[in-house]
Amino acid sequence: MTVYGVPPVSVVGESYCAPYPLELIVKKKIKKLSNAQFEVFDLSGNLLLQVDGGVWNFQLKRVLRDPAGFPILTIRGKVLTLWHKWKANAGESTDDSNVLFTVKQSHPLQIKKAINVFLTANSKKKEPDFHISGSYTSLSFKVYEGRRLIAEVKHNFTLQSFCKGKERYKVKVYPEVDYAFVVALLVILNENDTP
C-alpha cells in the first residue's frame, strides 16, 4: 500500500509497516556479561519486539522475536573483521542463500559513522539500498533510502543508566517503513559500538 505517493519500505515484512509515523522506545538491558536483551515498545507501553543474544563474545548472533517469542529475524555478525559485516535472515535461518539484507561499513577507517545496507546477500554491488549516518560520539543515527529519510534513532545516554547496564533509545519511523528492519539496524550499530 502506498501512502501519499510514498512507496513502502518493507524488508522484514509488511505487517511491520504502519501508515503513520511511529515512535518507539527501545530498552537495552545487559543481564550478565554474556547476555544483552532489547525490548521495543510503542508509546502506550505495548511490547512490539524483543531481541536476545550474547554480548562480548565471538558468536555475534541476535534473534529478533515478536511479543510471543517467535523468531522473526536472525542477525549474524562476522567476527574479527575491520568492515563490521552483518547478515540478516528470516526466522531462525542462517542459510546464506536466504539472506534478507547485509550491513557493512562504507570504509574500515572512517571519522564519521557511515554504514551501507544491501538487500541482497551480495554486498559487492556499488550502490547500497539504504545508508546509515551518525557520529562516533553518540549512538544516534539516521537511516536513508537514497535521499529519503526513513528513520531516526536517538540514544538517551546517562552515566547512571550505563552503570546499571540499561540503555534507552527513541526511534522515529516514518510512514510505511518497516520498524522491525529499523530495530535490526539499531541492534547491529549498537553491537558495532560495543567494545
Protein backbone atom coordinates (compact mmCIF):
# COMPACT_ATOMS: atom_id res chain seq x y z
CA MET A 1 0.00 0.00 0.00
CA THR A 2 1.31 3.47 -0.89
CA VAL A 3 0.56 6.39 1.43
CA TYR A 4 0.62 9.89 -0.08
CA GLY A 5 2.58 8.66 -3.09
CA VAL A 6 5.44 7.32 -0.94
CA PRO A 7 6.34 3.69 -1.67
CA PRO A 8 6.50 1.40 1.37
CA VAL A 9 9.83 0.13 2.69
CA SER A 10 9.17 -3.48 3.66
CA VAL A 11 12.25 -5.61 4.33
CA VAL A 12 11.28 -7.94 7.19
CA GLY A 13 7.55 -7.84 6.39
CA GLU A 14 4.60 -5.59 5.51
CA SER A 15 2.99 -6.29 8.90
CA TYR A 16 5.74 -4.12 10.45
CA CYS A 17 4.84 -1.07 8.32
CA ALA A 18 2.38 1.47 9.76
CA PRO A 19 0.56 4.04 7.57
CA TYR A 20 1.51 6.78 10.06
CA PRO A 21 4.73 7.92 11.78
CA LEU A 22 5.60 5.54 14.57
CA GLU A 23 7.51 6.42 17.72
CA LEU A 24 9.15 3.59 19.62
CA ILE A 25 11.08 3.21 22.85
CA VAL A 26 13.87 0.65 22.76
CA LYS A 27 15.28 -0.53 26.08
CA LYS A 28 18.55 -2.44 26.28
CA LYS A 29 19.40 -4.46 29.38
CA ILE A 30 22.67 -6.25 29.98
CA LYS A 31 21.69 -9.21 32.14
CA LYS A 32 25.11 -10.83 32.50
CA LEU A 33 28.47 -10.19 30.89
CA SER A 34 27.43 -12.57 28.12
CA ASN A 35 23.78 -11.63 27.57
CA ALA A 36 22.01 -8.48 26.39
CA GLN A 37 18.34 -8.06 25.63
CA PHE A 38 16.46 -5.35 23.74
CA GLU A 39 12.74 -4.71 24.19
CA VAL A 40 10.77 -2.49 21.81
CA PHE A 41 7.64 -0.67 22.98
CA ASP A 42 5.19 1.74 21.41
CA LEU A 43 4.37 4.95 23.31
CA SER A 44 1.44 3.19 25.03
CA GLY A 45 3.83 0.67 26.57
CA ASN A 46 2.85 -2.28 24.36
CA LEU A 47 5.68 -4.73 23.72
CA LEU A 48 6.22 -4.98 19.94
CA LEU A 49 9.56 -6.80 19.57
CA GLN A 50 12.30 -8.45 21.60
CA VAL A 51 15.93 -9.10 20.69
CA ASP A 52 18.16 -11.50 22.53
CA GLY A 53 21.72 -12.64 22.15
CA GLY A 54 25.16 -12.53 23.67
CA VAL A 55 27.36 -9.54 24.24
CA TRP A 56 31.18 -9.52 24.46
CA ASN A 57 31.51 -12.93 22.84
CA PHE A 58 32.68 -14.28 19.50
CA GLN A 59 29.27 -15.58 18.41
CA LEU A 60 27.74 -12.37 17.11
CA LYS A 61 24.20 -13.64 16.74
CA ARG A 62 20.98 -11.86 17.67
CA VAL A 63 17.41 -13.11 17.25
CA LEU A 64 14.58 -10.62 16.74
CA ARG A 65 11.30 -12.02 18.14
CA ASP A 66 7.67 -10.99 18.20
CA PRO A 67 5.97 -10.35 21.61
CA ALA A 68 5.08 -14.06 21.93
CA GLY A 69 8.74 -15.04 21.46
CA PHE A 70 8.52 -16.39 17.90
CA PRO A 71 11.65 -15.66 15.81
CA ILE A 72 11.26 -13.06 13.06
CA LEU A 73 14.86 -12.39 12.08
CA THR A 74 18.31 -13.80 12.85
CA ILE A 75 21.19 -11.34 12.64
CA ARG A 76 24.77 -12.64 12.41
CA GLY A 77 27.98 -10.62 12.54
CA LYS A 78 31.32 -11.56 11.09
CA VAL A 79 33.94 -11.81 13.83
CA LEU A 80 37.33 -10.10 13.75
CA THR A 81 36.95 -8.00 10.63
CA LEU A 82 37.59 -4.30 10.05
CA TRP A 83 34.44 -3.96 7.93
CA HIS A 84 31.88 -4.97 10.60
CA LYS A 85 29.81 -7.08 8.22
CA TRP A 86 26.38 -8.45 9.27
CA LYS A 87 23.79 -10.66 7.57
CA ALA A 88 20.09 -10.97 8.42
CA ASN A 89 17.91 -13.98 7.64
CA ALA A 90 14.18 -14.55 8.04
CA GLY A 91 13.20 -16.54 11.15
CA GLU A 92 15.97 -18.60 12.69
CA SER A 93 17.59 -19.46 9.36
CA THR A 94 21.32 -18.95 8.97
CA ASP A 95 21.47 -20.22 5.38
CA ASP A 96 23.47 -17.87 3.15
CA SER A 97 21.05 -18.47 0.29
CA ASN A 98 18.23 -16.95 2.39
CA VAL A 99 19.77 -13.59 3.39
CA LEU A 100 17.29 -10.67 3.51
CA PHE A 101 19.92 -7.95 3.85
CA THR A 102 23.61 -7.35 4.52
CA VAL A 103 25.07 -4.47 6.53
CA LYS A 104 28.63 -3.27 6.03
CA GLN A 105 30.72 -0.24 6.98
CA SER A 106 31.33 2.01 4.00
CA HIS A 107 35.04 2.15 4.89
CA PRO A 108 37.00 0.33 7.64
CA LEU A 109 38.70 3.52 8.88
CA GLN A 110 36.19 6.33 8.99
CA ILE A 111 35.79 9.51 11.01
CA LYS A 112 32.00 9.70 10.73
CA LYS A 113 29.82 6.64 11.14
CA ALA A 114 28.68 5.52 7.68
CA ILE A 115 27.04 2.14 7.18
CA ASN A 116 25.65 0.67 3.97
CA VAL A 117 22.73 -1.75 3.75
CA PHE A 118 22.25 -4.04 0.77
CA LEU A 119 19.04 -6.00 0.14
CA THR A 120 20.90 -8.93 -1.35
CA ALA A 121 23.45 -11.32 0.06
CA ASN A 122 25.91 -9.96 -2.50
CA SER A 123 27.17 -6.71 -0.94
CA LYS A 124 29.67 -6.28 -3.77
CA LYS A 125 27.22 -4.10 -5.68
CA LYS A 126 28.35 -0.49 -5.62
CA GLU A 127 25.24 1.41 -4.58
CA PRO A 128 23.61 0.46 -1.27
CA ASP A 129 19.84 0.22 -0.94
CA PHE A 130 19.99 2.10 2.37
CA HIS A 131 22.57 4.26 4.11
CA ILE A 132 23.02 4.97 7.82
CA SER A 133 24.85 8.04 9.04
CA GLY A 134 25.73 9.22 12.51
CA SER A 135 28.69 10.15 14.66
CA TYR A 136 31.02 8.16 16.87
CA THR A 137 30.35 10.43 19.85
CA SER A 138 26.77 9.18 20.05
CA LEU A 139 24.77 6.07 19.19
CA SER A 140 22.20 8.31 17.49
CA PHE A 141 21.83 7.92 13.73
CA LYS A 142 19.58 8.40 10.70
CA VAL A 143 18.53 5.86 8.07
CA TYR A 144 18.12 6.90 4.44
CA GLU A 145 16.76 5.20 1.35
CA GLY A 146 18.64 7.20 -1.27
CA ARG A 147 18.00 10.81 -0.13
CA ARG A 148 14.72 9.94 1.62
CA LEU A 149 14.94 9.92 5.43
CA ILE A 150 13.05 6.84 6.66
CA ALA A 151 14.00 6.64 10.37
CA GLU A 152 15.81 8.43 13.17
CA VAL A 153 17.30 6.90 16.32
CA LYS A 154 18.25 8.97 19.37
CA HIS A 155 20.29 7.43 22.15
CA ASN A 156 19.30 8.69 25.61
CA PHE A 157 22.61 8.23 27.40
CA THR A 158 23.06 8.81 31.11
CA LEU A 159 26.02 7.64 33.17
CA GLN A 160 23.67 6.23 35.80
CA SER A 161 21.76 4.05 33.31
CA PHE A 162 25.02 2.91 31.68
CA CYS A 163 26.41 1.82 35.07
CA LYS A 164 23.20 -0.15 35.73
CA GLY A 165 23.53 -1.93 32.38
CA LYS A 166 20.45 -0.25 30.93
CA GLU A 167 20.25 1.97 27.86
CA ARG A 168 17.32 3.64 26.14
CA TYR A 169 16.65 4.78 22.58
CA LYS A 170 13.88 6.81 20.98
CA VAL A 171 13.12 5.65 17.46
CA LYS A 172 11.06 7.60 14.94
CA VAL A 173 9.95 5.52 11.97
CA TYR A 174 8.34 7.35 9.06
CA PRO A 175 5.06 6.13 7.45
CA GLU A 176 5.13 2.82 5.58
CA VAL A 177 8.64 1.96 6.83
CA ASP A 178 9.37 -1.47 8.31
CA TYR A 179 10.04 -0.84 12.02
CA ALA A 180 11.44 -4.38 12.54
CA PHE A 181 14.09 -3.57 9.92
CA VAL A 182 14.96 -0.30 11.71
CA VAL A 183 15.23 -2.08 15.07
CA ALA A 184 17.55 -4.68 13.50
CA LEU A 185 19.78 -1.84 12.25
CA LEU A 186 19.81 -0.32 15.75
CA VAL A 187 20.94 -3.65 17.23
CA ILE A 188 23.68 -4.01 14.62
CA LEU A 189 25.01 -0.48 15.17
CA ASN A 190 24.86 -0.96 18.92
CA GLU A 191 26.89 -4.15 18.60
CA ASN A 192 29.45 -2.42 16.36
CA ASP A 193 29.94 0.23 19.05
CA THR A 194 30.32 -2.28 21.87
CA PRO A 195 34.00 -2.73 22.77
